[in-house]
Structure formats: C-alpha cells, structure tokens
Amino acid sequence: MEVKVGEYYYHKNMYQRFKVIAIDGNYVWLKSEDHYLTTTIGQLERSEEHTSELQSHLNLVCRLLLEKK
C-alpha cells in the first residue's frame, strides 16, 4: 500500500483515525487529536475518504472544513 504524508488512515488495532505526519522506510509517524503514534505501514488501513470512489465532493469538502475547526 502506498502511504502519503497528509493522508488519513486507521490503525488496525485502534478505532481512531490518524494523519500521517512523516514516513521513513516502513515506519510512519501518525497524529490524532489527542496523541502521536509510530507504527509500520502494514498496520494501517485507509480511511473512508480514500477507499470510497463514491464519496461526493460536497461531503469531502464538509469533512475537511470540520477537521480544520
């Protein structure tokens, strides 16, 4: 799986969404609202907005605006 800085993913063992803030080889540094996490790329699953081709542009814009708050 290709992982990019700035995209959002879920950790396989946690029910929380994280933003990728850095990548070094197979390791990624993640940030959520309340903490940071270092893990391997294999432990990540794409978040909904990256897996759903049916995601409407309006919903995506609304989500991005809410995240900025």
N, C-alpha and C. Protein backbone atom coordinates (compact mmCIF):
# COMPACT_ATOMS: atom_id res chain seq x y z
N MET A 1 0.85 -1.17 0.00
CA MET A 1 0.00 0.00 0.00
C MET A 1 0.90 1.24 0.00
N GLU A 2 0.54 2.21 -0.81
CA GLU A 2 1.27 3.47 -0.84
C GLU A 2 0.67 4.42 0.20
N VAL A 3 1.51 4.91 1.09
CA VAL A 3 1.08 5.81 2.14
C VAL A 3 1.71 7.17 1.87
N LYS A 4 0.93 8.24 2.02
CA LYS A 4 1.42 9.58 1.75
C LYS A 4 1.24 10.48 2.98
N VAL A 5 2.19 11.37 3.18
CA VAL A 5 2.09 12.36 4.25
C VAL A 5 0.87 13.24 3.99
N GLY A 6 0.11 13.50 5.05
CA GLY A 6 -1.08 14.34 4.93
C GLY A 6 -2.37 13.55 4.77
N GLU A 7 -2.28 12.28 4.41
CA GLU A 7 -3.49 11.46 4.27
C GLU A 7 -3.88 10.85 5.62
N TYR A 8 -5.12 10.39 5.70
CA TYR A 8 -5.66 9.82 6.93
C TYR A 8 -5.81 8.31 6.82
N TYR A 9 -5.47 7.62 7.90
CA TYR A 9 -5.55 6.16 7.96
C TYR A 9 -6.04 5.73 9.33
N TYR A 10 -6.48 4.48 9.41
CA TYR A 10 -6.83 3.86 10.68
C TYR A 10 -5.78 2.83 11.02
N HIS A 11 -5.42 2.74 12.29
CA HIS A 11 -4.53 1.68 12.76
C HIS A 11 -5.38 0.44 12.94
N LYS A 12 -4.89 -0.72 12.52
CA LYS A 12 -5.68 -1.97 12.56
C LYS A 12 -6.15 -2.34 13.96
N ASN A 13 -5.41 -1.96 14.99
CA ASN A 13 -5.77 -2.35 16.36
C ASN A 13 -6.43 -1.24 17.15
N MET A 14 -6.72 -0.13 16.51
CA MET A 14 -7.32 1.01 17.22
C MET A 14 -8.51 1.53 16.42
N TYR A 15 -9.47 2.08 17.10
CA TYR A 15 -10.64 2.65 16.44
C TYR A 15 -10.51 4.17 16.38
N GLN A 16 -9.41 4.61 15.81
CA GLN A 16 -9.13 6.03 15.76
C GLN A 16 -8.45 6.36 14.44
N ARG A 17 -8.79 7.51 13.89
CA ARG A 17 -8.22 7.96 12.64
C ARG A 17 -6.98 8.80 12.92
N PHE A 18 -5.94 8.57 12.12
CA PHE A 18 -4.67 9.27 12.28
C PHE A 18 -4.26 9.93 10.97
N LYS A 19 -3.57 11.05 11.10
CA LYS A 19 -2.99 11.72 9.94
C LYS A 19 -1.51 11.37 9.88
N VAL A 20 -1.02 10.99 8.71
CA VAL A 20 0.40 10.68 8.54
C VAL A 20 1.18 11.98 8.54
N ILE A 21 2.16 12.09 9.44
CA ILE A 21 2.97 13.31 9.50
C ILE A 21 4.40 13.08 9.03
N ALA A 22 4.85 11.82 8.96
CA ALA A 22 6.20 11.53 8.46
C ALA A 22 6.29 10.05 8.09
N ILE A 23 7.16 9.75 7.14
CA ILE A 23 7.40 8.37 6.70
C ILE A 23 8.90 8.18 6.57
N ASP A 24 9.39 7.03 7.07
CA ASP A 24 10.80 6.67 6.93
C ASP A 24 10.86 5.18 6.66
N GLY A 25 11.00 4.82 5.42
CA GLY A 25 11.01 3.41 5.03
C GLY A 25 9.67 2.77 5.31
N ASN A 26 9.65 1.74 6.17
CA ASN A 26 8.42 1.04 6.51
C ASN A 26 7.72 1.64 7.73
N TYR A 27 8.32 2.65 8.35
CA TYR A 27 7.76 3.25 9.56
C TYR A 27 7.03 4.55 9.23
N VAL A 28 5.92 4.77 9.94
CA VAL A 28 5.15 6.01 9.77
C VAL A 28 4.89 6.63 11.13
N TRP A 29 4.88 7.94 11.16
CA TRP A 29 4.54 8.70 12.36
C TRP A 29 3.17 9.29 12.12
N LEU A 30 2.28 9.06 13.09
CA LEU A 30 0.88 9.45 12.96
C LEU A 30 0.48 10.41 14.06
N LYS A 31 -0.52 11.24 13.76
CA LYS A 31 -1.03 12.17 14.76
C LYS A 31 -2.55 12.10 14.74
N SER A 32 -3.13 11.99 15.93
CA SER A 32 -4.59 12.08 16.09
C SER A 32 -4.87 13.34 16.89
N GLU A 33 -6.11 13.52 17.27
CA GLU A 33 -6.46 14.70 18.05
C GLU A 33 -5.78 14.73 19.41
N ASP A 34 -5.56 13.54 20.00
CA ASP A 34 -5.04 13.53 21.37
C ASP A 34 -3.69 12.85 21.57
N HIS A 35 -3.09 12.26 20.54
CA HIS A 35 -1.75 11.71 20.74
C HIS A 35 -1.04 11.38 19.43
N TYR A 36 0.24 11.02 19.56
CA TYR A 36 1.08 10.63 18.44
C TYR A 36 1.36 9.14 18.52
N LEU A 37 1.67 8.53 17.38
CA LEU A 37 1.91 7.09 17.32
C LEU A 37 2.92 6.80 16.22
N THR A 38 3.84 5.89 16.47
CA THR A 38 4.76 5.39 15.46
C THR A 38 4.41 3.93 15.22
N THR A 39 4.29 3.53 13.96
CA THR A 39 3.92 2.16 13.63
C THR A 39 4.48 1.81 12.26
N THR A 40 4.17 0.62 11.77
CA THR A 40 4.60 0.22 10.43
C THR A 40 3.45 0.39 9.45
N ILE A 41 3.80 0.52 8.19
CA ILE A 41 2.79 0.71 7.15
C ILE A 41 1.80 -0.45 7.13
N GLY A 42 2.25 -1.66 7.43
CA GLY A 42 1.38 -2.84 7.42
C GLY A 42 0.25 -2.79 8.44
N GLN A 43 0.36 -1.93 9.44
CA GLN A 43 -0.67 -1.82 10.46
C GLN A 43 -1.75 -0.79 10.11
N LEU A 44 -1.65 -0.18 8.94
CA LEU A 44 -2.60 0.87 8.56
C LEU A 44 -3.66 0.37 7.60
N GLU A 45 -4.83 0.96 7.72
CA GLU A 45 -5.92 0.76 6.76
C GLU A 45 -6.37 2.13 6.30
N ARG A 46 -6.69 2.23 5.03
CA ARG A 46 -7.12 3.52 4.50
C ARG A 46 -8.41 3.98 5.16
N SER A 47 -8.52 5.29 5.35
CA SER A 47 -9.76 5.84 5.89
C SER A 47 -10.80 5.92 4.78
N GLU A 48 -12.04 6.11 5.14
CA GLU A 48 -13.17 6.05 4.22
C GLU A 48 -13.01 6.95 3.00
N GLU A 49 -12.55 8.17 3.19
CA GLU A 49 -12.49 9.07 2.05
C GLU A 49 -11.44 8.67 1.02
N HIS A 50 -10.53 7.75 1.37
CA HIS A 50 -9.55 7.27 0.40
C HIS A 50 -9.95 5.94 -0.21
N THR A 51 -10.95 5.27 0.32
CA THR A 51 -11.34 3.97 -0.23
C THR A 51 -12.65 4.03 -1.00
N SER A 52 -13.47 5.02 -0.76
CA SER A 52 -14.76 5.10 -1.41
C SER A 52 -14.70 5.98 -2.66
N GLU A 53 -14.85 5.35 -3.82
CA GLU A 53 -14.87 6.13 -5.06
C GLU A 53 -16.20 6.86 -5.20
N LEU A 54 -17.19 6.49 -4.40
CA LEU A 54 -18.50 7.13 -4.48
C LEU A 54 -18.61 8.33 -3.55
N GLN A 55 -17.53 8.65 -2.83
CA GLN A 55 -17.54 9.79 -1.91
C GLN A 55 -17.81 11.06 -2.70
N SER A 56 -18.86 11.79 -2.35
CA SER A 56 -19.17 13.02 -3.09
C SER A 56 -18.20 14.13 -2.71
N HIS A 57 -17.98 15.03 -3.65
CA HIS A 57 -17.07 16.15 -3.40
C HIS A 57 -17.61 17.05 -2.30
N LEU A 58 -18.93 17.20 -2.22
CA LEU A 58 -19.54 18.04 -1.18
C LEU A 58 -19.26 17.46 0.20
N ASN A 59 -19.46 16.15 0.38
CA ASN A 59 -19.19 15.52 1.67
C ASN A 59 -17.72 15.63 2.05
N LEU A 60 -16.84 15.46 1.08
CA LEU A 60 -15.41 15.54 1.35
C LEU A 60 -15.03 16.96 1.79
N VAL A 61 -15.57 17.98 1.11
CA VAL A 61 -15.29 19.36 1.48
C VAL A 61 -15.81 19.65 2.88
N CYS A 62 -17.01 19.17 3.21
CA CYS A 62 -17.57 19.38 4.55
C CYS A 62 -16.70 18.73 5.62
N ARG A 63 -16.22 17.51 5.37
CA ARG A 63 -15.35 16.83 6.33
C ARG A 63 -14.05 17.61 6.54
N LEU A 64 -13.46 18.08 5.43
CA LEU A 64 -12.21 18.82 5.55
C LEU A 64 -12.42 20.11 6.33
N LEU A 65 -13.53 20.79 6.11
CA LEU A 65 -13.81 22.02 6.84
C LEU A 65 -14.01 21.74 8.33
N LEU A 66 -14.69 20.64 8.65
CA LEU A 66 -14.92 20.29 10.06
C LEU A 66 -13.60 19.93 10.75
N GLU A 67 -12.68 19.27 10.03
CA GLU A 67 -11.39 18.91 10.61
C GLU A 67 -10.55 20.15 10.93
N LYS A 68 -10.73 21.21 10.17
CA LYS A 68 -9.95 22.44 10.39
C LYS A 68 -10.37 23.15 11.67
N LYS A 69 -11.60 22.86 12.17
CA LYS A 69 -12.09 23.54 13.39
C LYS A 69 -11.29 23.17 14.59
